[in-house]
């Protein structure tokens, strides 16, 4: 009986070592993954404060004459103050005043297009 007791504890570590070496099945498996993302322009306003149209829509000049080549080039213009306007709108505004229509700071183009 002493021999049986001595052999029992030796068997346990062998079984534990065997189970540690065997590859375990994963708890779950990813079969399909759909990523969803959201983005937004990094601007303070969504609408042009001059014509009141959405910044990514045509300005009122381009809406009136959509057949012109100018309508295809209706782009947004950002100032260093991070306010955005239609390029045609801010160009007309800058003919009379050289400041941002929203905060009266001197207007300087930061980027144009998009």
C-alpha atoms as a PDB file:
ATOM      1  CA  UNK A   1       0.000   0.000   0.000  1.00  0.00           C
ATOM      2  CA  UNK A   2       2.931   2.296   0.634  1.00  0.00           C
ATOM      3  CA  UNK A   3       3.990   1.664  -2.950  1.00  0.00           C
ATOM      4  CA  UNK A   4       0.518   2.680  -4.261  1.00  0.00           C
ATOM      5  CA  UNK A   5       0.594   5.880  -2.202  1.00  0.00           C
ATOM      6  CA  UNK A   6       4.058   6.713  -3.493  1.00  0.00           C
ATOM      7  CA  UNK A   7       3.063   6.175  -7.127  1.00  0.00           C
ATOM      8  CA  UNK A   8      -0.169   8.249  -6.930  1.00  0.00           C
ATOM      9  CA  UNK A   9       1.484  11.635  -6.299  1.00  0.00           C
ATOM     10  CA  UNK A  10       3.978  11.015  -9.086  1.00  0.00           C
ATOM     11  CA  UNK A  11       1.170  10.446 -11.613  1.00  0.00           C
ATOM     12  CA  UNK A  12      -0.497  13.804 -10.980  1.00  0.00           C
ATOM     13  CA  UNK A  13       2.411  15.990 -12.172  1.00  0.00           C
ATOM     14  CA  UNK A  14       2.757  13.895 -15.329  1.00  0.00           C
ATOM     15  CA  UNK A  15      -0.906  14.480 -16.208  1.00  0.00           C
ATOM     16  CA  UNK A  16      -0.587  18.211 -15.522  1.00  0.00           C
ATOM     17  CA  UNK A  17       2.476  18.455 -17.738  1.00  0.00           C
ATOM     18  CA  UNK A  18       0.722  16.584 -20.534  1.00  0.00           C
ATOM     19  CA  UNK A  19      -2.308  18.896 -20.423  1.00  0.00           C
ATOM     20  CA  UNK A  20      -0.072  22.010 -20.456  1.00  0.00           C
ATOM     21  CA  UNK A  21       1.671  20.854 -23.613  1.00  0.00           C
ATOM     22  CA  UNK A  22      -1.551  20.021 -25.485  1.00  0.00           C
ATOM     23  CA  UNK A  23      -2.900  22.936 -27.526  1.00  0.00           C
ATOM     24  CA  UNK A  24      -6.022  24.352 -25.957  1.00  0.00           C
ATOM     25  CA  UNK A  25      -9.022  25.220 -28.076  1.00  0.00           C
ATOM     26  CA  UNK A  26      -9.796  28.919 -28.399  1.00  0.00           C
ATOM     27  CA  UNK A  27     -12.703  30.205 -26.369  1.00  0.00           C
ATOM     28  CA  UNK A  28     -14.195  31.861 -29.439  1.00  0.00           C
ATOM     29  CA  UNK A  29     -13.449  32.309 -33.124  1.00  0.00           C
ATOM     30  CA  UNK A  30     -14.124  35.473 -35.140  1.00  0.00           C
ATOM     31  CA  UNK A  31     -15.985  34.419 -38.266  1.00  0.00           C
ATOM     32  CA  UNK A  32     -17.044  37.835 -39.558  1.00  0.00           C
ATOM     33  CA  UNK A  33     -16.126  41.386 -38.606  1.00  0.00           C
ATOM     34  CA  UNK A  34     -17.751  44.586 -39.831  1.00  0.00           C
ATOM     35  CA  UNK A  35     -15.999  47.809 -38.915  1.00  0.00           C
ATOM     36  CA  UNK A  36     -17.996  51.007 -38.571  1.00  0.00           C
ATOM     37  CA  UNK A  37     -16.369  54.428 -38.548  1.00  0.00           C
ATOM     38  CA  UNK A  38     -17.569  57.992 -38.301  1.00  0.00           C
ATOM     39  CA  UNK A  39     -15.801  61.109 -39.445  1.00  0.00           C
ATOM     40  CA  UNK A  40     -16.443  64.824 -39.599  1.00  0.00           C
ATOM     41  CA  UNK A  41     -14.731  67.897 -40.930  1.00  0.00           C
ATOM     42  CA  UNK A  42     -12.648  69.693 -38.339  1.00  0.00           C
ATOM     43  CA  UNK A  43     -14.468  73.006 -38.715  1.00  0.00           C
ATOM     44  CA  UNK A  44     -16.356  75.219 -36.310  1.00  0.00           C
ATOM     45  CA  UNK A  45     -19.376  75.671 -38.596  1.00  0.00           C
ATOM     46  CA  UNK A  46     -21.289  73.377 -40.962  1.00  0.00           C
ATOM     47  CA  UNK A  47     -22.943  76.172 -42.923  1.00  0.00           C
ATOM     48  CA  UNK A  48     -21.444  79.044 -44.834  1.00  0.00           C
ATOM     49  CA  UNK A  49     -22.280  82.110 -42.741  1.00  0.00           C
ATOM     50  CA  UNK A  50     -22.494  84.256 -45.871  1.00  0.00           C
ATOM     51  CA  UNK A  51     -25.001  82.325 -48.012  1.00  0.00           C
ATOM     52  CA  UNK A  52     -26.355  80.013 -45.237  1.00  0.00           C
ATOM     53  CA  UNK A  53     -25.973  76.863 -47.382  1.00  0.00           C
ATOM     54  CA  UNK A  54     -24.217  73.757 -46.107  1.00  0.00           C
ATOM     55  CA  UNK A  55     -20.482  74.080 -46.678  1.00  0.00           C
ATOM     56  CA  UNK A  56     -20.359  70.942 -48.855  1.00  0.00           C
ATOM     57  CA  UNK A  57     -23.306  72.069 -51.027  1.00  0.00           C
ATOM     58  CA  UNK A  58     -23.109  74.624 -53.810  1.00  0.00           C
ATOM     59  CA  UNK A  59     -23.082  78.300 -52.900  1.00  0.00           C
ATOM     60  CA  UNK A  60     -25.966  80.495 -54.048  1.00  0.00           C
ATOM     61  CA  UNK A  61     -23.998  81.747 -57.069  1.00  0.00           C
ATOM     62  CA  UNK A  62     -23.316  78.216 -58.266  1.00  0.00           C
ATOM     63  CA  UNK A  63     -26.888  77.080 -57.553  1.00  0.00           C
ATOM     64  CA  UNK A  64     -28.183  79.878 -59.790  1.00  0.00           C
ATOM     65  CA  UNK A  65     -25.910  78.887 -62.687  1.00  0.00           C
ATOM     66  CA  UNK A  66     -25.202  75.153 -62.393  1.00  0.00           C
ATOM     67  CA  UNK A  67     -24.321  74.822 -66.067  1.00  0.00           C
ATOM     68  CA  UNK A  68     -21.179  76.937 -65.694  1.00  0.00           C
ATOM     69  CA  UNK A  69     -17.750  75.458 -65.103  1.00  0.00           C
ATOM     70  CA  UNK A  70     -17.563  77.622 -61.995  1.00  0.00           C
ATOM     71  CA  UNK A  71     -20.238  75.448 -60.298  1.00  0.00           C
ATOM     72  CA  UNK A  72     -17.951  72.395 -60.483  1.00  0.00           C
ATOM     73  CA  UNK A  73     -15.259  74.353 -58.669  1.00  0.00           C
ATOM     74  CA  UNK A  74     -17.452  75.432 -55.744  1.00  0.00           C
ATOM     75  CA  UNK A  75     -15.034  74.540 -52.940  1.00  0.00           C
ATOM     76  CA  UNK A  76     -14.754  75.356 -49.270  1.00  0.00           C
ATOM     77  CA  UNK A  77     -12.160  77.796 -47.999  1.00  0.00           C
ATOM     78  CA  UNK A  78     -10.843  77.734 -44.427  1.00  0.00           C
ATOM     79  CA  UNK A  79      -9.353  80.678 -42.626  1.00  0.00           C
ATOM     80  CA  UNK A  80      -6.642  80.556 -39.982  1.00  0.00           C
ATOM     81  CA  UNK A  81      -9.461  81.166 -37.469  1.00  0.00           C
ATOM     82  CA  UNK A  82     -10.816  77.729 -38.563  1.00  0.00           C
ATOM     83  CA  UNK A  83     -14.042  79.197 -39.983  1.00  0.00           C
ATOM     84  CA  UNK A  84     -15.112  77.803 -43.341  1.00  0.00           C
ATOM     85  CA  UNK A  85     -16.998  79.454 -46.180  1.00  0.00           C
ATOM     86  CA  UNK A  86     -17.618  78.781 -49.846  1.00  0.00           C
ATOM     87  CA  UNK A  87     -14.676  80.176 -51.782  1.00  0.00           C
ATOM     88  CA  UNK A  88     -16.984  82.252 -53.984  1.00  0.00           C
ATOM     89  CA  UNK A  89     -18.769  83.706 -50.936  1.00  0.00           C
ATOM     90  CA  UNK A  90     -15.624  84.635 -49.020  1.00  0.00           C
ATOM     91  CA  UNK A  91     -14.044  86.075 -52.182  1.00  0.00           C
ATOM     92  CA  UNK A  92     -17.030  88.420 -52.629  1.00  0.00           C
ATOM     93  CA  UNK A  93     -16.867  89.320 -48.926  1.00  0.00           C
ATOM     94  CA  UNK A  94     -13.133  90.055 -49.064  1.00  0.00           C
ATOM     95  CA  UNK A  95     -13.736  92.602 -51.849  1.00  0.00           C
ATOM     96  CA  UNK A  96     -15.429  94.840 -49.281  1.00  0.00           C
ATOM     97  CA  UNK A  97     -13.801  93.841 -45.974  1.00  0.00           C
ATOM     98  CA  UNK A  98     -10.569  91.968 -45.275  1.00  0.00           C
ATOM     99  CA  UNK A  99     -11.793  90.272 -42.071  1.00  0.00           C
ATOM    100  CA  UNK A 100     -13.551  87.023 -41.166  1.00  0.00           C
ATOM    101  CA  UNK A 101     -17.344  87.523 -41.220  1.00  0.00           C
ATOM    102  CA  UNK A 102     -17.760  85.638 -37.928  1.00  0.00           C
ATOM    103  CA  UNK A 103     -15.055  86.972 -35.629  1.00  0.00           C
ATOM    104  CA  UNK A 104     -13.733  90.142 -37.347  1.00  0.00           C
ATOM    105  CA  UNK A 105     -10.145  88.892 -37.296  1.00  0.00           C
ATOM    106  CA  UNK A 106      -8.005  89.669 -40.315  1.00  0.00           C
ATOM    107  CA  UNK A 107      -8.733  87.017 -42.953  1.00  0.00           C
ATOM    108  CA  UNK A 108      -5.935  84.725 -44.020  1.00  0.00           C
ATOM    109  CA  UNK A 109      -6.487  81.511 -46.001  1.00  0.00           C
ATOM    110  CA  UNK A 110      -5.468  78.350 -44.187  1.00  0.00           C
ATOM    111  CA  UNK A 111      -6.573  75.858 -46.847  1.00  0.00           C
ATOM    112  CA  UNK A 112      -8.773  75.695 -49.895  1.00  0.00           C
ATOM    113  CA  UNK A 113     -10.600  72.836 -51.549  1.00  0.00           C
ATOM    114  CA  UNK A 114     -12.317  69.546 -50.723  1.00  0.00           C
END
